[in-house]
């Protein structure tokens, strides 16, 4: 027999991503229009353990669809990784009348969903991470905004790089996934893009390309490196040592997590939030919402966590072919 749901809790966990507010807004407004009460859990799973829980209504999510950051905040919670912590979190849901959870975050957040489901709390997960590294989903909330932010910053950096005939080594986010670096590299016309998925040889893949490009008359260079590959400053030092070209490192860092979300992130997040509530309304629990070929789909949490995602490394050839 399906659990009767009267109140839905919504929380965000893990790293923040532009568009998470749009997802929260969609969950709250869809749930209320479907006759549910909604509670917001602040600071992620930690908020369940500390009782940081608020009632939400239509006005709670007014004027947030365009805002970056997360109105419910986020935090790590080591205690929640323990069985005792999970049992406490589930009891907190019951004590606060929360019958089901919508969790917005990444793989770690979805493992938390699975743990809560094991404790009898129905859950639905929404993929929110700028890295686009959720295996079951073609696209994750925040990815488009992060890439656009990176492109905007690198376009500005190019002006001074060209003025001084320098090499700019730009480090973008992506500890284990090169999606941001790969597409940003194409978009800014980078000479070289280095991603965690593809090993590289400094002399062959960087230095030789710079020297060949110099022969065509170009004297300034943009190199993109994902943070999972190494440090931009170390690479810049090596390039300058081997070529004599003035090389500067720029780490874009957490600026990629901020800013007003793009249209794509606002719309995708809204569609996902709506879908999550509709799943709960139909009695379909313990799922992860995802995109597949522009459609909104969903998978069992265990299945979603077991999936593997590959990156299209042929895009590296596109970048190296059109960059000179």
C-alpha atoms as a PDB file:
ATOM      1  CA  UNK A   1       0.000   0.000   0.000  1.00  0.00           C
ATOM      2  CA  UNK A   2       1.382   3.412  -0.964  1.00  0.00           C
ATOM      3  CA  UNK A   3       2.217   5.861   1.799  1.00  0.00           C
ATOM      4  CA  UNK A   4      -0.323   8.655   2.110  1.00  0.00           C
ATOM      5  CA  UNK A   5       1.490  11.915   1.542  1.00  0.00           C
ATOM      6  CA  UNK A   6       0.219  15.141   3.031  1.00  0.00           C
ATOM      7  CA  UNK A   7       3.443  17.071   3.560  1.00  0.00           C
ATOM      8  CA  UNK A   8       6.515  17.180   1.316  1.00  0.00           C
ATOM      9  CA  UNK A   9       9.902  18.281   2.571  1.00  0.00           C
ATOM     10  CA  UNK A  10      12.458  19.827   0.212  1.00  0.00           C
ATOM     11  CA  UNK A  11      16.188  20.170   0.825  1.00  0.00           C
ATOM     12  CA  UNK A  12      19.378  20.944  -1.071  1.00  0.00           C
ATOM     13  CA  UNK A  13      22.612  19.105  -0.393  1.00  0.00           C
ATOM     14  CA  UNK A  14      26.188  19.163  -1.591  1.00  0.00           C
ATOM     15  CA  UNK A  15      27.624  21.918  -3.784  1.00  0.00           C
ATOM     16  CA  UNK A  16      25.422  24.810  -4.817  1.00  0.00           C
ATOM     17  CA  UNK A  17      24.450  25.294  -8.456  1.00  0.00           C
ATOM     18  CA  UNK A  18      22.582  28.086 -10.287  1.00  0.00           C
ATOM     19  CA  UNK A  19      19.004  26.980 -10.881  1.00  0.00           C
ATOM     20  CA  UNK A  20      18.528  25.207  -7.553  1.00  0.00           C
ATOM     21  CA  UNK A  21      16.229  28.025  -6.455  1.00  0.00           C
ATOM     22  CA  UNK A  22      14.136  27.498  -9.578  1.00  0.00           C
ATOM     23  CA  UNK A  23      13.843  23.816  -8.669  1.00  0.00           C
ATOM     24  CA  UNK A  24      12.804  24.644  -5.095  1.00  0.00           C
ATOM     25  CA  UNK A  25      10.231  27.081  -6.438  1.00  0.00           C
ATOM     26  CA  UNK A  26       8.759  24.491  -8.803  1.00  0.00           C
ATOM     27  CA  UNK A  27       8.539  21.859  -6.057  1.00  0.00           C
ATOM     28  CA  UNK A  28       6.855  24.225  -3.600  1.00  0.00           C
ATOM     29  CA  UNK A  29       4.366  25.719  -6.039  1.00  0.00           C
ATOM     30  CA  UNK A  30       3.455  22.425  -7.704  1.00  0.00           C
ATOM     31  CA  UNK A  31       3.005  20.731  -4.339  1.00  0.00           C
ATOM     32  CA  UNK A  32       0.794  23.494  -2.965  1.00  0.00           C
ATOM     33  CA  UNK A  33      -1.323  23.585  -6.105  1.00  0.00           C
ATOM     34  CA  UNK A  34      -1.750  19.809  -5.746  1.00  0.00           C
ATOM     35  CA  UNK A  35      -2.986  20.216  -2.175  1.00  0.00           C
ATOM     36  CA  UNK A  36       0.161  19.310  -0.224  1.00  0.00           C
ATOM     37  CA  UNK A  37       1.840  21.207   2.578  1.00  0.00           C
ATOM     38  CA  UNK A  38       5.535  21.927   2.119  1.00  0.00           C
ATOM     39  CA  UNK A  39       8.379  22.248   4.601  1.00  0.00           C
ATOM     40  CA  UNK A  40      11.810  23.553   3.716  1.00  0.00           C
ATOM     41  CA  UNK A  41      14.792  21.890   5.377  1.00  0.00           C
ATOM     42  CA  UNK A  42      17.675  24.318   5.612  1.00  0.00           C
ATOM     43  CA  UNK A  43      21.360  23.330   5.450  1.00  0.00           C
ATOM     44  CA  UNK A  44      20.741  19.937   3.853  1.00  0.00           C
ATOM     45  CA  UNK A  45      20.556  16.685   5.782  1.00  0.00           C
ATOM     46  CA  UNK A  46      22.177  18.489   8.685  1.00  0.00           C
ATOM     47  CA  UNK A  47      18.998  20.552   8.982  1.00  0.00           C
ATOM     48  CA  UNK A  48      16.978  17.398   9.625  1.00  0.00           C
ATOM     49  CA  UNK A  49      19.234  16.523  12.539  1.00  0.00           C
ATOM     50  CA  UNK A  50      19.240  20.037  14.009  1.00  0.00           C
ATOM     51  CA  UNK A  51      15.563  20.808  13.388  1.00  0.00           C
ATOM     52  CA  UNK A  52      16.260  23.667  10.978  1.00  0.00           C
ATOM     53  CA  UNK A  53      12.884  23.241   9.264  1.00  0.00           C
ATOM     54  CA  UNK A  54      10.473  25.941   8.084  1.00  0.00           C
ATOM     55  CA  UNK A  55       6.957  26.038   6.656  1.00  0.00           C
ATOM     56  CA  UNK A  56       6.823  27.181   3.043  1.00  0.00           C
ATOM     57  CA  UNK A  57       4.061  28.787   1.006  1.00  0.00           C
ATOM     58  CA  UNK A  58       3.684  30.458  -2.375  1.00  0.00           C
ATOM     59  CA  UNK A  59       5.300  33.647  -1.146  1.00  0.00           C
ATOM     60  CA  UNK A  60       8.262  31.745   0.303  1.00  0.00           C
ATOM     61  CA  UNK A  61       9.488  31.147  -3.247  1.00  0.00           C
ATOM     62  CA  UNK A  62       8.380  34.411  -4.820  1.00  0.00           C
ATOM     63  CA  UNK A  63      11.033  36.285  -6.828  1.00  0.00           C
ATOM     64  CA  UNK A  64      13.679  33.563  -6.555  1.00  0.00           C
ATOM     65  CA  UNK A  65      13.648  31.955 -10.010  1.00  0.00           C
ATOM     66  CA  UNK A  66      16.307  34.396 -11.222  1.00  0.00           C
ATOM     67  CA  UNK A  67      18.511  34.242  -8.142  1.00  0.00           C
ATOM     68  CA  UNK A  68      21.743  32.316  -7.748  1.00  0.00           C
ATOM     69  CA  UNK A  69      22.720  30.641  -4.512  1.00  0.00           C
ATOM     70  CA  UNK A  70      20.271  28.523  -2.522  1.00  0.00           C
ATOM     71  CA  UNK A  71      17.560  30.021  -0.325  1.00  0.00           C
ATOM     72  CA  UNK A  72      17.549  26.827   1.762  1.00  0.00           C
ATOM     73  CA  UNK A  73      21.354  26.828   2.069  1.00  0.00           C
ATOM     74  CA  UNK A  74      23.494  23.686   1.978  1.00  0.00           C
ATOM     75  CA  UNK A  75      25.975  21.911   4.231  1.00  0.00           C
ATOM     76  CA  UNK A  76      27.942  18.714   4.638  1.00  0.00           C
ATOM     77  CA  UNK A  77      26.831  16.331   7.376  1.00  0.00           C
ATOM     78  CA  UNK A  78      29.195  13.594   8.531  1.00  0.00           C
ATOM     79  CA  UNK A  79      26.732  12.326  11.122  1.00  0.00           C
ATOM     80  CA  UNK A  80      24.178  11.555   8.421  1.00  0.00           C
ATOM     81  CA  UNK A  81      26.603   9.064   6.887  1.00  0.00           C
ATOM     82  CA  UNK A  82      26.145   6.824   9.925  1.00  0.00           C
ATOM     83  CA  UNK A  83      23.175   4.495  10.414  1.00  0.00           C
ATOM     84  CA  UNK A  84      22.323   6.240  13.665  1.00  0.00           C
ATOM     85  CA  UNK A  85      22.313   9.596  11.899  1.00  0.00           C
ATOM     86  CA  UNK A  86      20.028   8.269   9.180  1.00  0.00           C
ATOM     87  CA  UNK A  87      17.645   6.845  11.751  1.00  0.00           C
ATOM     88  CA  UNK A  88      17.577  10.199  13.553  1.00  0.00           C
ATOM     89  CA  UNK A  89      16.920  12.023  10.277  1.00  0.00           C
ATOM     90  CA  UNK A  90      14.025   9.708   9.426  1.00  0.00           C
ATOM     91  CA  UNK A  91      12.544  10.177  12.885  1.00  0.00           C
ATOM     92  CA  UNK A  92      12.903  13.943  12.473  1.00  0.00           C
ATOM     93  CA  UNK A  93      10.793  13.680   9.317  1.00  0.00           C
ATOM     94  CA  UNK A  94       8.115  11.812  11.239  1.00  0.00           C
ATOM     95  CA  UNK A  95       8.263  14.223  14.177  1.00  0.00           C
ATOM     96  CA  UNK A  96       7.780  17.176  11.808  1.00  0.00           C
ATOM     97  CA  UNK A  97       5.012  15.507   9.791  1.00  0.00           C
ATOM     98  CA  UNK A  98       7.160  15.184   6.650  1.00  0.00           C
ATOM     99  CA  UNK A  99       5.848  12.242   4.629  1.00  0.00           C
ATOM    100  CA  UNK A 100       8.243  12.443   1.655  1.00  0.00           C
ATOM    101  CA  UNK A 101      11.402  14.279   0.613  1.00  0.00           C
ATOM    102  CA  UNK A 102      12.544  15.973  -2.567  1.00  0.00           C
ATOM    103  CA  UNK A 103      16.335  16.246  -2.504  1.00  0.00           C
ATOM    104  CA  UNK A 104      18.278  18.463  -4.912  1.00  0.00           C
ATOM    105  CA  UNK A 105      21.965  17.660  -5.292  1.00  0.00           C
ATOM    106  CA  UNK A 106      24.508  15.218  -6.667  1.00  0.00           C
ATOM    107  CA  UNK A 107      25.444  11.559  -6.228  1.00  0.00           C
ATOM    108  CA  UNK A 108      26.135  11.980  -2.514  1.00  0.00           C
ATOM    109  CA  UNK A 109      22.707  13.529  -2.054  1.00  0.00           C
ATOM    110  CA  UNK A 110      21.113  10.623  -3.914  1.00  0.00           C
ATOM    111  CA  UNK A 111      22.897   8.132  -1.676  1.00  0.00           C
ATOM    112  CA  UNK A 112      21.276  10.030   1.171  1.00  0.00           C
ATOM    113  CA  UNK A 113      17.915   9.577  -0.598  1.00  0.00           C
ATOM    114  CA  UNK A 114      18.552   5.845  -0.789  1.00  0.00           C
ATOM    115  CA  UNK A 115      19.432   5.756   2.904  1.00  0.00           C
ATOM    116  CA  UNK A 116      16.269   7.667   3.834  1.00  0.00           C
ATOM    117  CA  UNK A 117      14.177   5.342   1.670  1.00  0.00           C
ATOM    118  CA  UNK A 118      15.662   2.410   3.596  1.00  0.00           C
ATOM    119  CA  UNK A 119      14.367   4.117   6.745  1.00  0.00           C
ATOM    120  CA  UNK A 120      10.862   4.322   5.299  1.00  0.00           C
ATOM    121  CA  UNK A 121      10.851   7.904   3.989  1.00  0.00           C
ATOM    122  CA  UNK A 122       9.785   8.151   0.303  1.00  0.00           C
ATOM    123  CA  UNK A 123      12.263  10.263  -1.685  1.00  0.00           C
ATOM    124  CA  UNK A 124      12.774  11.794  -5.111  1.00  0.00           C
ATOM    125  CA  UNK A 125      16.144  13.242  -6.173  1.00  0.00           C
ATOM    126  CA  UNK A 126      16.825  16.091  -8.608  1.00  0.00           C
ATOM    127  CA  UNK A 127      20.298  16.376 -10.215  1.00  0.00           C
ATOM    128  CA  UNK A 128      21.859  19.701  -9.275  1.00  0.00           C
ATOM    129  CA  UNK A 129      25.589  20.139  -9.936  1.00  0.00           C
ATOM    130  CA  UNK A 130      27.570  22.385 -12.263  1.00  0.00           C
ATOM    131  CA  UNK A 131      29.886  19.494 -13.204  1.00  0.00           C
ATOM    132  CA  UNK A 132      27.176  17.629 -15.186  1.00  0.00           C
ATOM    133  CA  UNK A 133      28.550  14.395 -13.727  1.00  0.00           C
ATOM    134  CA  UNK A 134      25.322  12.628 -12.724  1.00  0.00           C
ATOM    135  CA  UNK A 135      25.468   9.398 -14.708  1.00  0.00           C
ATOM    136  CA  UNK A 136      21.742   8.899 -15.250  1.00  0.00           C
ATOM    137  CA  UNK A 137      21.102  12.397 -16.596  1.00  0.00           C
ATOM    138  CA  UNK A 138      22.232  13.990 -19.826  1.00  0.00           C
ATOM    139  CA  UNK A 139      22.036  17.388 -18.145  1.00  0.00           C
ATOM    140  CA  UNK A 140      22.231  18.673 -14.572  1.00  0.00           C
ATOM    141  CA  UNK A 141      20.906  21.887 -13.040  1.00  0.00           C
ATOM    142  CA  UNK A 142      23.576  24.612 -13.032  1.00  0.00           C
ATOM    143  CA  UNK A 143      25.775  23.245 -15.813  1.00  0.00           C
ATOM    144  CA  UNK A 144      24.778  25.742 -18.507  1.00  0.00           C
ATOM    145  CA  UNK A 145      25.138  28.754 -16.218  1.00  0.00           C
ATOM    146  CA  UNK A 146      28.574  27.632 -15.047  1.00  0.00           C
ATOM    147  CA  UNK A 147      29.817  27.267 -18.622  1.00  0.00           C
ATOM    148  CA  UNK A 148      28.428  30.652 -19.619  1.00  0.00           C
ATOM    149  CA  UNK A 149      30.107  32.244 -16.620  1.00  0.00           C
ATOM    150  CA  UNK A 150      33.417  30.633 -17.574  1.00  0.00           C
ATOM    151  CA  UNK A 151      33.096  31.791 -21.181  1.00  0.00           C
ATOM    152  CA  UNK A 152      32.318  35.351 -20.113  1.00  0.00           C
ATOM    153  CA  UNK A 153      35.338  35.483 -17.792  1.00  0.00           C
ATOM    154  CA  UNK A 154      37.691  33.968 -20.373  1.00  0.00           C
ATOM    155  CA  UNK A 155      36.503  36.347 -23.100  1.00  0.00           C
ATOM    156  CA  UNK A 156      37.510  39.245 -20.824  1.00  0.00           C
ATOM    157  CA  UNK A 157      40.804  37.594 -19.991  1.00  0.00           C
ATOM    158  CA  UNK A 158      41.575  37.114 -23.689  1.00  0.00           C
ATOM    159  CA  UNK A 159      41.727  40.890 -24.176  1.00  0.00           C
ATOM    160  CA  UNK A 160      44.676  41.325 -21.838  1.00  0.00           C
ATOM    161  CA  UNK A 161      46.281  38.058 -22.968  1.00  0.00           C
ATOM    162  CA  UNK A 162      46.324  39.327 -26.555  1.00  0.00           C
ATOM    163  CA  UNK A 163      47.581  42.762 -25.558  1.00  0.00           C
ATOM    164  CA  UNK A 164      50.693  41.275 -23.951  1.00  0.00           C
ATOM    165  CA  UNK A 165      51.279  38.260 -26.239  1.00  0.00           C
ATOM    166  CA  UNK A 166      50.851  35.966 -23.244  1.00  0.00           C
ATOM    167  CA  UNK A 167      49.698  32.453 -22.591  1.00  0.00           C
ATOM    168  CA  UNK A 168      46.743  32.295 -20.205  1.00  0.00           C
ATOM    169  CA  UNK A 169      46.206  28.997 -18.426  1.00  0.00           C
ATOM    170  CA  UNK A 170      42.659  28.996 -17.082  1.00  0.00           C
ATOM    171  CA  UNK A 171      41.554  26.474 -14.485  1.00  0.00           C
ATOM    172  CA  UNK A 172      37.846  25.666 -14.455  1.00  0.00           C
ATOM    173  CA  UNK A 173      35.889  23.411 -12.139  1.00  0.00           C
ATOM    174  CA  UNK A 174      35.612  19.675 -12.734  1.00  0.00           C
ATOM    175  CA  UNK A 175      37.471  17.471 -10.280  1.00  0.00           C
ATOM    176  CA  UNK A 176      36.445  14.165 -11.831  1.00  0.00           C
ATOM    177  CA  UNK A 177      34.607  15.305 -14.956  1.00  0.00           C
ATOM    178  CA  UNK A 178      35.769  17.475 -17.827  1.00  0.00           C
ATOM    179  CA  UNK A 179      32.421  18.663 -19.178  1.00  0.00           C
ATOM    180  CA  UNK A 180      32.860  22.333 -18.251  1.00  0.00           C
ATOM    181  CA  UNK A 181      36.422  22.440 -19.564  1.00  0.00           C
ATOM    182  CA  UNK A 182      35.618  20.574 -22.776  1.00  0.00           C
ATOM    183  CA  UNK A 183      32.757  22.754 -23.940  1.00  0.00           C
ATOM    184  CA  UNK A 184      34.207  25.988 -22.622  1.00  0.00           C
ATOM    185  CA  UNK A 185      37.426  25.241 -24.495  1.00  0.00           C
ATOM    186  CA  UNK A 186      35.539  24.964 -27.778  1.00  0.00           C
ATOM    187  CA  UNK A 187      33.463  28.063 -27.072  1.00  0.00           C
ATOM    188  CA  UNK A 188      36.461  30.313 -26.374  1.00  0.00           C
ATOM    189  CA  UNK A 189      38.688  28.872 -29.091  1.00  0.00           C
ATOM    190  CA  UNK A 190      41.264  27.519 -26.641  1.00  0.00           C
ATOM    191  CA  UNK A 191      44.425  26.118 -28.191  1.00  0.00           C
ATOM    192  CA  UNK A 192      44.472  23.211 -25.736  1.00  0.00           C
ATOM    193  CA  UNK A 193      41.879  21.762 -23.360  1.00  0.00           C
ATOM    194  CA  UNK A 194      42.975  19.302 -20.679  1.00  0.00           C
ATOM    195  CA  UNK A 195      40.389  17.092 -18.961  1.00  0.00           C
ATOM    196  CA  UNK A 196      40.626  14.324 -16.321  1.00  0.00           C
ATOM    197  CA  UNK A 197      39.311  11.663 -18.691  1.00  0.00           C
ATOM    198  CA  UNK A 198      42.206  11.941 -21.157  1.00  0.00           C
ATOM    199  CA  UNK A 199      45.896  11.680 -20.138  1.00  0.00           C
ATOM    200  CA  UNK A 200      48.158  14.225 -21.791  1.00  0.00           C
ATOM    201  CA  UNK A 201      51.810  14.692 -22.638  1.00  0.00           C
ATOM    202  CA  UNK A 202      52.989  18.241 -21.974  1.00  0.00           C
ATOM    203  CA  UNK A 203      55.525  18.397 -24.789  1.00  0.00           C
ATOM    204  CA  UNK A 204      53.321  16.771 -27.432  1.00  0.00           C
ATOM    205  CA  UNK A 205      49.904  18.129 -26.500  1.00  0.00           C
ATOM    206  CA  UNK A 206      50.772  21.622 -25.293  1.00  0.00           C
ATOM    207  CA  UNK A 207      54.260  22.863 -26.158  1.00  0.00           C
ATOM    208  CA  UNK A 208      54.329  21.489 -29.715  1.00  0.00           C
ATOM    209  CA  UNK A 209      50.920  22.997 -30.470  1.00  0.00           C
ATOM    210  CA  UNK A 210      52.022  26.388 -29.173  1.00  0.00           C
ATOM    211  CA  UNK A 211      55.152  26.345 -31.333  1.00  0.00           C
ATOM    212  CA  UNK A 212      53.228  25.266 -34.422  1.00  0.00           C
ATOM    213  CA  UNK A 213      50.699  28.035 -33.846  1.00  0.00           C
ATOM    214  CA  UNK A 214      53.454  30.630 -33.464  1.00  0.00           C
ATOM    215  CA  UNK A 215      54.577  29.798 -36.993  1.00  0.00           C
ATOM    216  CA  UNK A 216      51.170  30.923 -38.283  1.00  0.00           C
ATOM    217  CA  UNK A 217      51.720  34.334 -36.712  1.00  0.00           C
ATOM    218  CA  UNK A 218      49.665  33.989 -33.541  1.00  0.00           C
ATOM    219  CA  UNK A 219      51.518  34.969 -30.385  1.00  0.00           C
ATOM    220  CA  UNK A 220      48.895  34.638 -27.623  1.00  0.00           C
ATOM    221  CA  UNK A 221      47.296  31.482 -26.303  1.00  0.00           C
ATOM    222  CA  UNK A 222      44.404  30.279 -24.167  1.00  0.00           C
ATOM    223  CA  UNK A 223      44.752  26.913 -22.448  1.00  0.00           C
ATOM    224  CA  UNK A 224      41.906  25.420 -20.418  1.00  0.00           C
ATOM    225  CA  UNK A 225      42.596  22.925 -17.649  1.00  0.00           C
ATOM    226  CA  UNK A 226      40.016  21.155 -15.488  1.00  0.00           C
ATOM    227  CA  UNK A 227      40.851  21.254 -11.791  1.00  0.00           C
ATOM    228  CA  UNK A 228      41.042  17.454 -11.700  1.00  0.00           C
ATOM    229  CA  UNK A 229      43.987  17.469 -14.099  1.00  0.00           C
ATOM    230  CA  UNK A 230      46.282  19.649 -12.022  1.00  0.00           C
ATOM    231  CA  UNK A 231      46.978  23.198 -10.932  1.00  0.00           C
ATOM    232  CA  UNK A 232      46.943  26.030 -13.471  1.00  0.00           C
ATOM    233  CA  UNK A 233      49.951  27.715 -11.863  1.00  0.00           C
ATOM    234  CA  UNK A 234      52.096  24.599 -12.155  1.00  0.00           C
ATOM    235  CA  UNK A 235      51.212  24.271 -15.830  1.00  0.00           C
ATOM    236  CA  UNK A 236      51.851  27.962 -16.488  1.00  0.00           C
ATOM    237  CA  UNK A 237      55.280  27.684 -14.844  1.00  0.00           C
ATOM    238  CA  UNK A 238      56.180  24.687 -17.025  1.00  0.00           C
ATOM    239  CA  UNK A 239      55.028  26.424 -20.209  1.00  0.00           C
ATOM    240  CA  UNK A 240      57.029  29.567 -19.469  1.00  0.00           C
ATOM    241  CA  UNK A 241      60.107  27.524 -18.552  1.00  0.00           C
ATOM    242  CA  UNK A 242      60.004  25.532 -21.799  1.00  0.00           C
ATOM    243  CA  UNK A 243      58.931  28.248 -24.232  1.00  0.00           C
ATOM    244  CA  UNK A 244      59.962  31.567 -22.718  1.00  0.00           C
ATOM    245  CA  UNK A 245      56.419  32.857 -23.313  1.00  0.00           C
ATOM    246  CA  UNK A 246      55.044  34.952 -20.469  1.00  0.00           C
ATOM    247  CA  UNK A 247      52.441  32.601 -18.987  1.00  0.00           C
ATOM    248  CA  UNK A 248      49.831  33.500 -16.378  1.00  0.00           C
ATOM    249  CA  UNK A 249      47.467  31.266 -14.409  1.00  0.00           C
ATOM    250  CA  UNK A 250      43.863  32.194 -13.653  1.00  0.00           C
ATOM    251  CA  UNK A 251      41.703  30.042 -11.402  1.00  0.00           C
ATOM    252  CA  UNK A 252      38.024  30.826 -11.936  1.00  0.00           C
ATOM    253  CA  UNK A 253      37.008  28.903  -8.829  1.00  0.00           C
ATOM    254  CA  UNK A 254      33.655  29.358  -7.133  1.00  0.00           C
ATOM    255  CA  UNK A 255      32.563  32.226  -9.363  1.00  0.00           C
ATOM    256  CA  UNK A 256      31.302  29.396 -11.586  1.00  0.00           C
ATOM    257  CA  UNK A 257      28.805  28.377  -8.903  1.00  0.00           C
ATOM    258  CA  UNK A 258      27.208  31.807  -8.651  1.00  0.00           C
ATOM    259  CA  UNK A 259      25.183  34.205 -10.714  1.00  0.00           C
ATOM    260  CA  UNK A 260      21.725  34.388 -12.173  1.00  0.00           C
ATOM    261  CA  UNK A 261      20.822  31.063 -13.857  1.00  0.00           C
ATOM    262  CA  UNK A 262      20.433  30.937 -17.608  1.00  0.00           C
ATOM    263  CA  UNK A 263      17.125  30.274 -19.316  1.00  0.00           C
ATOM    264  CA  UNK A 264      18.069  26.625 -19.788  1.00  0.00           C
ATOM    265  CA  UNK A 265      18.772  26.123 -16.102  1.00  0.00           C
ATOM    266  CA  UNK A 266      15.590  27.897 -15.028  1.00  0.00           C
ATOM    267  CA  UNK A 267      13.400  25.880 -17.393  1.00  0.00           C
ATOM    268  CA  UNK A 268      15.097  22.520 -16.772  1.00  0.00           C
ATOM    269  CA  UNK A 269      14.984  22.992 -13.002  1.00  0.00           C
ATOM    270  CA  UNK A 270      11.311  23.957 -13.178  1.00  0.00           C
ATOM    271  CA  UNK A 271      10.439  20.916 -15.287  1.00  0.00           C
ATOM    272  CA  UNK A 272      12.336  18.623 -12.919  1.00  0.00           C
ATOM    273  CA  UNK A 273      10.719  20.088  -9.812  1.00  0.00           C
ATOM    274  CA  UNK A 274       7.264  19.662 -11.311  1.00  0.00           C
ATOM    275  CA  UNK A 275       8.069  16.071 -12.324  1.00  0.00           C
ATOM    276  CA  UNK A 276       9.252  15.214  -8.801  1.00  0.00           C
ATOM    277  CA  UNK A 277       5.973  16.262  -7.220  1.00  0.00           C
ATOM    278  CA  UNK A 278       3.982  14.456  -9.889  1.00  0.00           C
ATOM    279  CA  UNK A 279       5.884  11.249  -9.102  1.00  0.00           C
ATOM    280  CA  UNK A 280       4.979  11.541  -5.430  1.00  0.00           C
ATOM    281  CA  UNK A 281       1.363  12.326  -6.329  1.00  0.00           C
ATOM    282  CA  UNK A 282       1.205   9.115  -8.371  1.00  0.00           C
ATOM    283  CA  UNK A 283       2.722   7.065  -5.568  1.00  0.00           C
ATOM    284  CA  UNK A 284       6.021   6.543  -7.386  1.00  0.00           C
ATOM    285  CA  UNK A 285       8.817   6.823  -4.846  1.00  0.00           C
ATOM    286  CA  UNK A 286      12.569   6.527  -4.475  1.00  0.00           C
ATOM    287  CA  UNK A 287      13.403   7.819  -7.928  1.00  0.00           C
ATOM    288  CA  UNK A 288      15.964  10.175  -9.478  1.00  0.00           C
ATOM    289  CA  UNK A 289      14.641  12.670 -12.026  1.00  0.00           C
ATOM    290  CA  UNK A 290      16.834  13.076 -15.108  1.00  0.00           C
ATOM    291  CA  UNK A 291      16.953  14.373 -18.661  1.00  0.00           C
ATOM    292  CA  UNK A 292      17.240  12.076 -21.654  1.00  0.00           C
ATOM    293  CA  UNK A 293      17.277  13.541 -25.163  1.00  0.00           C
ATOM    294  CA  UNK A 294      15.566  16.702 -23.848  1.00  0.00           C
ATOM    295  CA  UNK A 295      12.795  14.688 -22.157  1.00  0.00           C
ATOM    296  CA  UNK A 296      12.293  14.504 -18.384  1.00  0.00           C
ATOM    297  CA  UNK A 297      12.536  10.897 -17.202  1.00  0.00           C
ATOM    298  CA  UNK A 298      13.168   9.114 -13.910  1.00  0.00           C
ATOM    299  CA  UNK A 299      15.062   6.081 -12.627  1.00  0.00           C
ATOM    300  CA  UNK A 300      15.068   3.951  -9.508  1.00  0.00           C
ATOM    301  CA  UNK A 301      17.643   5.405  -7.127  1.00  0.00           C
ATOM    302  CA  UNK A 302      19.700   2.196  -6.969  1.00  0.00           C
ATOM    303  CA  UNK A 303      19.730   1.944 -10.757  1.00  0.00           C
ATOM    304  CA  UNK A 304      20.689   5.617 -11.114  1.00  0.00           C
ATOM    305  CA  UNK A 305      23.610   5.233  -8.715  1.00  0.00           C
ATOM    306  CA  UNK A 306      24.916   2.193 -10.601  1.00  0.00           C
ATOM    307  CA  UNK A 307      24.967   3.913 -14.001  1.00  0.00           C
ATOM    308  CA  UNK A 308      28.123   5.155 -15.716  1.00  0.00           C
ATOM    309  CA  UNK A 309      28.491   8.239 -17.884  1.00  0.00           C
ATOM    310  CA  UNK A 310      31.093   8.715 -20.614  1.00  0.00           C
ATOM    311  CA  UNK A 311      32.277  12.000 -22.021  1.00  0.00           C
ATOM    312  CA  UNK A 312      32.474  12.614 -25.774  1.00  0.00           C
ATOM    313  CA  UNK A 313      36.220  13.032 -26.129  1.00  0.00           C
ATOM    314  CA  UNK A 314      35.900  13.540 -29.890  1.00  0.00           C
ATOM    315  CA  UNK A 315      35.036  17.130 -28.986  1.00  0.00           C
ATOM    316  CA  UNK A 316      38.699  17.572 -28.081  1.00  0.00           C
ATOM    317  CA  UNK A 317      39.549  17.084 -31.755  1.00  0.00           C
ATOM    318  CA  UNK A 318      37.007  19.734 -32.719  1.00  0.00           C
ATOM    319  CA  UNK A 319      38.654  22.153 -30.325  1.00  0.00           C
ATOM    320  CA  UNK A 320      42.190  21.467 -31.516  1.00  0.00           C
ATOM    321  CA  UNK A 321      41.159  21.635 -35.170  1.00  0.00           C
ATOM    322  CA  UNK A 322      39.403  25.005 -35.095  1.00  0.00           C
ATOM    323  CA  UNK A 323      41.458  26.837 -32.475  1.00  0.00           C
ATOM    324  CA  UNK A 324      44.402  28.043 -34.562  1.00  0.00           C
END
